[in-house]
Amino acid sequence: MKERLTTAGFIRPTPVQAGAIPPALEGSDILATASTGTGKTLSFLVPILEKLDATSTPSTRGKRNAIRALILLPTRELAMQVLENYWKLMPVARHDAALICGGLSENAQFENLDRGPRVVVATPGRLEDFLRRREIDLSRVEMFVLDEVDRMLDMGFLPAIRRIAAAVPRTRQTMCYSATLDANIQEVVRDYVKNPIRIEIGSTSKPSDRVELRVYTVMQDQKLSLLNQMLEEEEGSFLVFSRTKHGADRISRKLQKLGHGSNAIHGDRSQSQRTSALKGFAGGKHRVLVATDVAARGIDISGIAHVVNYDLPNASEDFVHRIGRTGRAGAKGVATTFVMPQEHHDARKLERELKIRFDWREADKNLAKEERNRPIDLNTLPAPSTNTGKASGLEALLALETRTWRNESAPMPSGKGRRSGPRHKGRGRKPGTATARQGKR
């Protein structure tokens, strides 16, 4: 294991790894809280691999294993990153771990399960669906990891977690990780861990001391110019947070027009688009990634120099999670928040709640203003042309509106966009057996 860790570039354990790995290797349950970027992933992967190496071998065509370890995470991006770390430590056994999550082909996931992986990395929604359809057997799981528990509860996954935990043997070893551990989370976690070893690394309720916290007072229509100025004057990558999906797309497009490599990630983008955006940002193809809060939960990228709150977050917890994307693994970072004059009270409230001090600054009053949603002056549209017979600008606009109204009000053709027929009920499966699957996947 030491050789594999060294080969993968893991030399010195982080505090959470040093605290969690020894008791986990002894079989103890773990309950850990730690700031983001502290190396939580390796703190549960190492004990899992050590136990698997000592008690079994990867599946072969003649011998299929049962699922021995289950790792549950809130988003597919986080799940994919955990799987990549697993493959770094097990480069010759890529079929020994399977990914179960939404947004990807079900058939490919079924095929991976049929190969007999000892480890499953999953998101709650898709895994619960597979359980309901009896497409997966968790009855022989020995190690159960719940990572980012607080975020899974925020996203409404508690019912799915309860159903999944009920499908796993009660004699398992459980490792729970959370950025925060308030009374509600403790109550939920208490149901899944037995006499856990408690590990707390740093403060999880406030930004890291390694992050410089700046606030700029700026008008809404000058935010883009201020961000452009920062990109021109400062070095490093920028993770920009927008309150809305539409805003994320708009900011990214505007930055591209200004000559900056930028991409956006949010819930409306396909899995391939989100994966491409993350890889482009991590690999340096795009210097800027614009994200919403929900999408950013799957971002685990080292070396982010700047976090910019283009829009003020709705809650102090969101602020902490945003800021936690920079200043990771001992590095320093800068977090800048754009605050409009009418939002000063909200920003001061953040200071009080988190017991922090912002470096307050004023944006240049002469920054260019962004033009948005400029109304159309119908008086400036060209008059109808009697010579060419072409419609005027106003006539074309009205015709377009009429066509749109007609298309939206037209009845949908019968039977379009729907499928009929009986639903297939999946059969329970045991390790090493394949199931014929029918119907929609």
Protein backbone atom coordinates (compact mmCIF):
# COMPACT_ATOMS: atom_id res chain seq x y z
CA MET A 1 0.00 0.00 0.00
CA LYS A 2 2.84 2.42 0.82
CA GLU A 3 4.34 1.87 -2.62
CA ARG A 4 0.98 2.49 -4.29
CA LEU A 5 0.47 5.69 -2.28
CA THR A 6 3.94 6.94 -3.21
CA THR A 7 3.41 6.10 -6.89
CA ALA A 8 0.09 7.98 -6.85
CA GLY A 9 1.80 11.05 -5.37
CA PHE A 10 0.51 10.74 -1.81
CA ILE A 11 3.58 11.20 0.38
CA ARG A 12 2.65 12.77 3.71
CA PRO A 13 -0.73 12.20 5.40
CA THR A 14 -2.94 15.18 6.16
CA PRO A 15 -4.29 15.64 9.72
CA VAL A 16 -7.64 14.01 8.93
CA GLN A 17 -5.87 11.06 7.30
CA ALA A 18 -3.51 10.66 10.26
CA GLY A 19 -6.49 10.78 12.62
CA ALA A 20 -8.91 8.52 10.75
CA ILE A 21 -6.83 5.83 9.05
CA PRO A 22 -5.37 4.02 12.15
CA PRO A 23 -8.71 3.49 13.98
CA ALA A 24 -10.46 2.68 10.69
CA LEU A 25 -7.86 -0.02 10.01
CA GLU A 26 -8.77 -1.51 13.39
CA GLY A 27 -12.43 -1.67 12.35
CA SER A 28 -13.76 1.26 14.40
CA ASP A 29 -16.57 3.46 13.15
CA ILE A 30 -15.47 6.99 12.23
CA LEU A 31 -17.30 10.31 12.66
CA ALA A 32 -15.18 13.09 11.21
CA THR A 33 -15.68 16.80 10.60
CA ALA A 34 -13.07 18.64 8.61
CA SER A 35 -12.80 21.63 6.33
CA THR A 36 -12.91 21.00 2.61
CA GLY A 37 -9.65 20.14 0.89
CA THR A 38 -8.21 18.24 3.86
CA GLY A 39 -7.84 14.83 2.19
CA LYS A 40 -10.97 13.10 3.46
CA THR A 41 -11.19 10.81 0.43
CA LEU A 42 -7.92 9.02 1.12
CA SER A 43 -8.79 8.65 4.82
CA PHE A 44 -11.51 6.13 3.90
CA LEU A 45 -10.06 4.67 0.68
CA VAL A 46 -6.89 3.44 2.39
CA PRO A 47 -8.72 1.40 5.08
CA ILE A 48 -11.11 0.00 2.48
CA LEU A 49 -8.26 -1.14 0.21
CA GLU A 50 -6.26 -2.56 3.10
CA LYS A 51 -9.20 -4.67 4.24
CA LEU A 52 -10.07 -5.81 0.71
CA ASP A 53 -6.44 -6.79 0.00
CA ALA A 54 -6.32 -8.83 3.22
CA THR A 55 -9.56 -10.74 2.70
CA SER A 56 -10.22 -11.09 -1.04
CA THR A 57 -8.98 -10.56 -4.58
CA PRO A 58 -10.56 -8.68 -7.51
CA SER A 59 -13.19 -10.54 -9.51
CA THR A 60 -12.30 -12.71 -12.48
CA ARG A 61 -14.48 -14.22 -15.20
CA GLY A 62 -14.66 -17.45 -13.26
CA LYS A 63 -15.26 -15.89 -9.85
CA ARG A 64 -17.44 -12.87 -9.21
CA ASN A 65 -17.26 -11.03 -5.89
CA ALA A 66 -20.05 -9.53 -3.84
CA ILE A 67 -20.08 -5.80 -3.13
CA ARG A 68 -17.94 -5.37 0.00
CA ALA A 69 -17.68 -1.57 0.28
CA LEU A 70 -20.23 1.15 -0.46
CA ILE A 71 -19.30 4.84 -0.71
CA LEU A 72 -22.20 7.31 -0.85
CA LEU A 73 -21.76 10.94 -1.96
CA PRO A 74 -24.15 13.79 -2.81
CA THR A 75 -23.14 14.49 -6.43
CA ARG A 76 -21.92 12.55 -9.45
CA GLU A 77 -18.88 14.85 -9.80
CA LEU A 78 -17.72 13.96 -6.29
CA ALA A 79 -18.44 10.29 -6.96
CA MET A 80 -16.38 10.37 -10.15
CA GLN A 81 -13.49 12.06 -8.35
CA VAL A 82 -13.51 9.41 -5.61
CA LEU A 83 -13.45 6.72 -8.31
CA GLU A 84 -10.48 8.39 -10.00
CA ASN A 85 -8.58 8.37 -6.70
CA TYR A 86 -9.44 4.69 -6.27
CA TRP A 87 -8.06 3.92 -9.72
CA LYS A 88 -4.84 5.77 -8.88
CA LEU A 89 -4.32 3.31 -6.05
CA MET A 90 -5.62 0.30 -8.01
CA PRO A 91 -4.53 1.00 -11.61
CA VAL A 92 -4.68 -2.65 -12.73
CA ALA A 93 -8.15 -3.36 -11.33
CA ARG A 94 -10.40 -0.79 -12.95
CA HIS A 95 -13.39 -3.17 -12.92
CA ASP A 96 -13.03 -3.64 -9.18
CA ALA A 97 -15.05 -0.46 -8.53
CA ALA A 98 -18.31 0.63 -10.12
CA LEU A 99 -19.96 4.03 -10.39
CA ILE A 100 -23.72 4.26 -9.80
CA CYS A 101 -25.18 7.72 -10.41
CA GLY A 102 -27.72 9.62 -12.46
CA GLY A 103 -26.93 11.35 -15.73
CA LEU A 104 -24.99 8.38 -17.13
CA SER A 105 -26.03 5.30 -19.08
CA GLU A 106 -27.87 2.75 -16.96
CA ASN A 107 -26.83 -0.12 -19.23
CA ALA A 108 -23.15 0.68 -18.76
CA GLN A 109 -23.67 0.72 -14.99
CA PHE A 110 -25.49 -2.63 -15.14
CA GLU A 111 -22.58 -4.11 -17.10
CA ASN A 112 -20.10 -2.84 -14.49
CA LEU A 113 -22.17 -4.41 -11.70
CA ASP A 114 -22.25 -7.72 -13.56
CA ARG A 115 -18.42 -7.83 -13.45
CA GLY A 116 -18.55 -8.26 -9.66
CA PRO A 117 -16.97 -5.08 -8.29
CA ARG A 118 -15.97 -5.15 -4.64
CA VAL A 119 -16.48 -1.38 -4.30
CA VAL A 120 -19.48 0.72 -5.37
CA VAL A 121 -19.32 4.52 -5.43
CA ALA A 122 -22.81 5.98 -5.72
CA THR A 123 -25.17 8.90 -5.35
CA PRO A 124 -28.31 8.31 -3.25
CA GLY A 125 -30.98 8.86 -5.89
CA ARG A 126 -29.79 6.38 -8.51
CA LEU A 127 -28.72 3.80 -5.92
CA GLU A 128 -32.14 3.92 -4.24
CA ASP A 129 -33.74 3.44 -7.66
CA PHE A 130 -31.58 0.36 -8.33
CA LEU A 131 -32.50 -1.04 -4.92
CA ARG A 132 -36.19 -0.51 -5.54
CA ARG A 133 -35.89 -2.36 -8.84
CA ARG A 134 -33.75 -5.09 -7.26
CA GLU A 135 -30.88 -4.41 -9.64
CA ILE A 136 -28.23 -4.39 -6.90
CA ASP A 137 -27.47 -6.53 -3.85
CA LEU A 138 -25.96 -4.79 -0.79
CA SER A 139 -26.49 -7.66 1.63
CA ARG A 140 -22.76 -8.40 1.96
CA VAL A 141 -21.42 -4.87 2.36
CA GLU A 142 -18.85 -4.69 5.19
CA MET A 143 -17.73 -1.06 4.91
CA PHE A 144 -20.18 1.82 4.46
CA VAL A 145 -18.99 5.39 3.85
CA LEU A 146 -21.23 8.45 4.03
CA ASP A 147 -19.28 11.42 2.67
CA GLU A 148 -20.50 15.03 2.86
CA VAL A 149 -23.46 14.04 5.01
CA ASP A 150 -24.49 17.66 5.58
CA ARG A 151 -24.80 18.29 1.85
CA MET A 152 -26.75 15.09 1.25
CA LEU A 153 -29.28 16.20 3.87
CA ASP A 154 -29.43 19.70 2.38
CA MET A 155 -30.29 18.14 -0.98
CA GLY A 156 -33.18 16.13 0.49
CA PHE A 157 -31.56 12.69 0.36
CA LEU A 158 -32.44 11.61 3.91
CA PRO A 159 -35.25 9.19 2.82
CA ALA A 160 -32.93 7.61 0.23
CA ILE A 161 -30.11 7.29 2.79
CA ARG A 162 -32.45 5.55 5.25
CA ARG A 163 -33.56 3.04 2.61
CA ILE A 164 -29.97 2.35 1.52
CA ALA A 165 -28.74 1.95 5.11
CA ALA A 166 -31.56 -0.54 5.76
CA ALA A 167 -30.28 -2.67 2.85
CA VAL A 168 -26.77 -2.86 4.31
CA PRO A 169 -25.94 -5.32 7.14
CA ARG A 170 -26.10 -3.82 10.63
CA THR A 171 -22.74 -5.42 11.50
CA ARG A 172 -20.90 -3.22 9.00
CA GLN A 173 -18.17 -0.68 9.68
CA THR A 174 -19.44 2.87 9.04
CA MET A 175 -17.42 5.99 8.31
CA CYS A 176 -19.23 9.35 8.25
CA TYR A 177 -17.73 12.61 7.05
CA SER A 178 -19.31 16.05 7.17
CA ALA A 179 -18.10 19.63 6.83
CA THR A 180 -20.45 20.61 9.67
CA LEU A 181 -22.05 18.66 12.50
CA ASP A 182 -24.99 20.54 13.98
CA ALA A 183 -27.67 18.97 16.19
CA ASN A 184 -29.82 17.80 13.24
CA ILE A 185 -26.92 16.05 11.54
CA GLN A 186 -25.78 14.46 14.80
CA GLU A 187 -29.26 13.04 15.33
CA VAL A 188 -29.24 11.43 11.88
CA VAL A 189 -25.67 10.17 12.06
CA ARG A 190 -26.29 8.62 15.48
CA ASP A 191 -28.49 6.01 13.79
CA TYR A 192 -25.63 4.75 11.61
CA VAL A 193 -22.45 4.74 13.71
CA LYS A 194 -21.65 2.75 16.86
CA ASN A 195 -19.20 4.18 19.41
CA PRO A 196 -17.43 6.15 16.66
CA ILE A 197 -13.96 7.61 16.92
CA ARG A 198 -14.60 11.36 16.78
CA ILE A 199 -12.22 13.36 14.60
CA GLU A 200 -12.41 17.13 14.21
CA ILE A 201 -9.83 18.94 12.13
CA GLY A 202 -9.84 22.74 12.20
CA SER A 203 -12.92 24.93 12.26
CA THR A 204 -15.71 23.78 9.97
CA SER A 205 -18.02 26.72 10.68
CA LYS A 206 -15.84 29.53 9.34
CA PRO A 207 -13.52 30.12 6.38
CA SER A 208 -9.92 28.98 6.57
CA ASP A 209 -7.40 31.44 7.99
CA ARG A 210 -5.36 30.90 4.84
CA VAL A 211 -7.98 32.69 2.71
CA GLU A 212 -7.88 36.48 2.36
CA LEU A 213 -11.46 37.80 2.53
CA ARG A 214 -12.22 40.86 0.43
CA VAL A 215 -15.46 42.73 -0.18
CA TYR A 216 -16.02 45.24 -2.98
CA THR A 217 -18.92 47.66 -2.85
CA VAL A 218 -20.08 47.76 -6.47
CA MET A 219 -23.22 48.48 -8.45
CA GLN A 220 -24.92 45.57 -10.22
CA ASP A 221 -24.19 46.89 -13.71
CA GLN A 222 -20.47 47.31 -12.90
CA LYS A 223 -19.83 43.82 -11.51
CA LEU A 224 -18.74 42.42 -14.88
CA SER A 225 -16.23 45.22 -15.41
CA LEU A 226 -14.85 44.71 -11.91
CA LEU A 227 -14.43 40.98 -12.54
CA ASN A 228 -12.74 41.73 -15.86
CA GLN A 229 -10.38 44.13 -14.08
CA MET A 230 -9.49 41.47 -11.50
CA LEU A 231 -8.80 38.93 -14.24
CA GLU A 232 -6.48 41.37 -16.00
CA GLU A 233 -4.60 42.45 -12.87
CA GLU A 234 -4.30 39.17 -10.92
CA GLU A 235 -2.91 35.75 -11.73
CA GLY A 236 -4.35 32.29 -11.21
CA SER A 237 -7.65 30.51 -11.79
CA PHE A 238 -11.04 31.97 -10.81
CA LEU A 239 -14.11 30.14 -9.53
CA VAL A 240 -17.06 32.53 -9.82
CA PHE A 241 -20.37 31.90 -8.03
CA SER A 242 -23.69 33.01 -9.48
CA ARG A 243 -27.02 32.78 -7.69
CA THR A 244 -28.87 31.49 -10.77
CA LYS A 245 -28.23 29.10 -13.68
CA HIS A 246 -29.15 31.80 -16.19
CA GLY A 247 -26.72 34.18 -14.51
CA ALA A 248 -23.91 31.62 -14.66
CA ASP A 249 -24.39 31.18 -18.42
CA ARG A 250 -24.60 34.93 -19.00
CA ILE A 251 -21.46 35.74 -16.99
CA SER A 252 -19.49 33.01 -18.77
CA ARG A 253 -20.59 34.23 -22.23
CA LYS A 254 -19.71 37.83 -21.38
CA LEU A 255 -16.27 36.83 -20.13
CA GLN A 256 -15.64 34.87 -23.32
CA LYS A 257 -16.48 37.98 -25.35
CA LEU A 258 -13.95 39.89 -23.24
CA GLY A 259 -11.29 37.37 -24.21
CA HIS A 260 -11.18 35.17 -21.11
CA GLY A 261 -11.28 31.38 -21.24
CA SER A 262 -14.49 30.60 -19.37
CA ASN A 263 -17.10 27.89 -18.93
CA ALA A 264 -20.21 27.40 -16.78
CA ILE A 265 -21.49 24.51 -14.68
CA HIS A 266 -25.00 24.17 -13.27
CA GLY A 267 -27.88 21.74 -12.94
CA ASP A 268 -29.28 22.30 -16.44
CA ARG A 269 -26.10 21.22 -18.18
CA SER A 270 -25.71 17.61 -19.28
CA GLN A 271 -23.29 15.29 -17.53
CA SER A 272 -20.87 15.39 -20.47
CA GLN A 273 -20.95 19.21 -20.44
CA ARG A 274 -20.32 19.33 -16.70
CA THR A 275 -17.48 16.81 -16.93
CA SER A 276 -15.93 18.71 -19.83
CA ALA A 277 -16.19 22.02 -17.93
CA LEU A 278 -14.53 20.55 -14.83
CA LYS A 279 -11.73 18.92 -16.82
CA GLY A 280 -11.16 22.11 -18.81
CA PHE A 281 -10.93 24.15 -15.62
CA ALA A 282 -8.73 21.66 -13.74
CA GLY A 283 -6.43 21.27 -16.75
CA GLY A 284 -6.03 24.99 -17.37
CA LYS A 285 -7.97 25.13 -20.63
CA HIS A 286 -10.40 27.57 -19.03
CA ARG A 287 -9.11 30.05 -16.48
CA VAL A 288 -12.60 30.82 -15.21
CA LEU A 289 -15.40 28.50 -14.10
CA VAL A 290 -18.77 30.07 -13.31
CA ALA A 291 -20.94 27.90 -11.07
CA THR A 292 -24.10 27.78 -9.00
CA ASP A 293 -24.02 26.58 -5.38
CA VAL A 294 -25.58 23.18 -6.08
CA ALA A 295 -23.27 22.39 -9.01
CA ALA A 296 -20.19 23.54 -7.09
CA ARG A 297 -20.74 20.84 -4.45
CA GLY A 298 -19.06 18.46 -6.87
CA ILE A 299 -15.97 20.61 -7.41
CA ASP A 300 -12.87 19.20 -5.75
CA ILE A 301 -10.02 20.87 -7.61
CA SER A 302 -6.75 21.90 -6.04
CA GLY A 303 -4.92 25.10 -6.86
CA ILE A 304 -7.90 27.46 -7.27
CA ALA A 305 -6.39 30.91 -6.62
CA HIS A 306 -9.55 33.03 -6.40
CA VAL A 307 -13.16 32.52 -5.42
CA VAL A 308 -15.50 35.33 -6.44
CA ASN A 309 -19.00 35.69 -5.02
CA TYR A 310 -20.53 37.53 -7.97
CA ASP A 311 -23.82 37.33 -6.07
CA LEU A 312 -23.98 37.35 -2.29
CA PRO A 313 -24.81 33.84 -0.97
CA ASN A 314 -28.16 33.26 0.72
CA ALA A 315 -26.73 31.79 3.94
CA SER A 316 -23.51 31.74 5.93
CA GLU A 317 -23.16 27.98 5.34
CA ASP A 318 -23.12 28.57 1.58
CA PHE A 319 -20.49 31.28 2.06
CA VAL A 320 -18.23 28.88 3.98
CA HIS A 321 -18.63 26.16 1.35
CA ARG A 322 -17.90 28.59 -1.47
CA ILE A 323 -14.79 29.99 0.18
CA GLY A 324 -13.59 26.48 1.00
CA ARG A 325 -12.79 25.90 -2.67
CA THR A 326 -9.63 27.99 -2.35
CA GLY A 327 -6.83 27.92 0.21
CA ARG A 328 -6.83 24.11 0.26
CA ALA A 329 -4.19 21.64 1.40
CA GLY A 330 -2.05 24.33 3.06
CA ALA A 331 -2.15 26.77 0.12
CA LYS A 332 -3.25 30.40 0.34
CA GLY A 333 -6.22 31.84 -1.52
CA VAL A 334 -8.28 34.96 -2.09
CA ALA A 335 -12.06 35.21 -1.78
CA THR A 336 -13.77 38.32 -3.12
CA THR A 337 -17.44 39.13 -2.58
CA PHE A 338 -19.32 41.69 -4.67
CA VAL A 339 -21.75 43.63 -2.48
CA MET A 340 -24.21 46.24 -3.69
CA PRO A 341 -24.84 49.22 -1.37
CA GLN A 342 -28.23 47.86 -0.36
CA GLU A 343 -26.58 44.55 0.65
CA HIS A 344 -24.17 46.04 3.20
CA HIS A 345 -26.37 44.90 6.08
CA ASP A 346 -26.31 41.29 4.81
CA ALA A 347 -22.53 41.31 4.47
CA ARG A 348 -22.11 42.73 7.98
CA LYS A 349 -24.40 39.96 9.22
CA LEU A 350 -22.05 37.39 7.66
CA GLU A 351 -19.16 38.95 9.57
CA ARG A 352 -21.04 38.67 12.86
CA GLU A 353 -22.31 35.12 12.31
CA LEU A 354 -18.96 33.71 11.18
CA LYS A 355 -16.83 35.92 13.47
CA ILE A 356 -14.72 37.12 10.55
CA ARG A 357 -13.50 40.49 9.28
CA PHE A 358 -13.74 41.50 5.63
CA ASP A 359 -11.24 43.76 3.90
CA TRP A 360 -13.77 46.34 2.66
CA ARG A 361 -12.97 48.10 -0.62
CA GLU A 362 -14.74 50.45 -3.02
CA ALA A 363 -14.92 49.61 -6.71
CA ASP A 364 -13.85 52.28 -9.20
CA LYS A 365 -16.85 54.50 -9.89
CA ASN A 366 -15.70 54.91 -13.50
CA LEU A 367 -15.94 51.23 -14.36
CA ALA A 368 -17.86 50.56 -17.57
CA LYS A 369 -21.52 49.70 -17.06
CA GLU A 370 -23.01 46.56 -18.50
CA GLU A 371 -26.04 47.02 -20.76
CA ARG A 372 -28.69 44.41 -20.01
CA ASN A 373 -32.21 43.94 -21.40
CA ARG A 374 -32.20 47.24 -23.27
CA PRO A 375 -35.77 47.95 -24.44
CA ILE A 376 -36.49 48.09 -28.17
CA ASP A 377 -37.40 51.54 -29.45
CA LEU A 378 -40.09 50.78 -32.03
CA ASN A 379 -39.74 54.29 -33.48
CA THR A 380 -36.22 53.48 -34.67
CA LEU A 381 -37.25 50.37 -36.63
CA PRO A 382 -37.16 50.81 -40.44
CA ALA A 383 -40.35 51.58 -42.30
CA PRO A 384 -41.90 49.03 -44.69
CA SER A 385 -40.23 48.84 -48.08
CA THR A 386 -42.68 49.26 -50.93
CA ASN A 387 -40.06 48.47 -53.57
CA THR A 388 -38.73 45.16 -52.27
CA GLY A 389 -41.89 43.90 -50.63
CA LYS A 390 -39.85 42.94 -47.58
CA ALA A 391 -41.34 43.38 -44.14
CA SER A 392 -40.11 46.19 -41.91
CA GLY A 393 -38.29 45.50 -38.68
CA LEU A 394 -41.51 46.09 -36.73
CA GLU A 395 -43.54 43.83 -39.01
CA ALA A 396 -40.91 41.09 -38.73
CA LEU A 397 -40.97 41.39 -34.95
CA LEU A 398 -44.77 41.11 -34.83
CA ALA A 399 -44.73 38.16 -37.23
CA LEU A 400 -42.20 36.36 -35.06
CA GLU A 401 -44.37 36.96 -31.99
CA THR A 402 -47.41 35.61 -33.85
CA ARG A 403 -45.56 32.47 -34.91
CA THR A 404 -44.33 31.89 -31.37
CA TRP A 405 -47.85 32.30 -29.97
CA ARG A 406 -49.29 29.90 -32.54
CA ASN A 407 -46.64 27.25 -31.89
CA GLU A 408 -47.11 27.43 -28.12
CA SER A 409 -50.89 27.18 -28.36
CA ALA A 410 -50.97 24.35 -30.89
CA PRO A 411 -52.19 21.01 -29.47
CA MET A 412 -49.57 18.27 -29.09
CA PRO A 413 -50.05 15.45 -31.58
CA SER A 414 -51.51 12.34 -30.02
CA GLY A 415 -48.97 9.80 -28.86
CA LYS A 416 -45.91 12.05 -29.40
CA GLY A 417 -43.22 12.02 -26.76
CA ARG A 418 -44.79 9.18 -24.76
CA ARG A 419 -44.23 5.49 -24.49
CA SER A 420 -46.79 2.93 -23.61
CA GLY A 421 -46.60 -0.66 -22.52
CA PRO A 422 -46.03 -2.53 -19.29
CA ARG A 423 -43.18 -1.52 -16.97
CA HIS A 424 -40.55 -4.15 -16.36
CA LYS A 425 -40.04 -5.19 -12.78
CA GLY A 426 -36.36 -5.93 -12.09
CA ARG A 427 -35.40 -9.20 -10.45
CA GLY A 428 -33.14 -9.50 -7.45
CA ARG A 429 -29.60 -10.47 -8.33
CA LYS A 430 -26.88 -12.33 -6.55
CA PRO A 431 -23.14 -11.88 -7.17
CA GLY A 432 -21.95 -13.40 -10.39
CA THR A 433 -25.37 -13.65 -12.06
CA ALA A 434 -26.70 -11.46 -14.80
CA THR A 435 -30.29 -10.40 -15.21
CA ALA A 436 -32.16 -10.02 -18.47
CA ARG A 437 -33.38 -6.48 -18.63
CA GLN A 438 -36.28 -5.20 -20.65
CA GLY A 439 -38.23 -2.03 -21.10
CA LYS A 440 -36.96 1.51 -20.78
CA ARG A 441 -33.54 2.08 -19.26
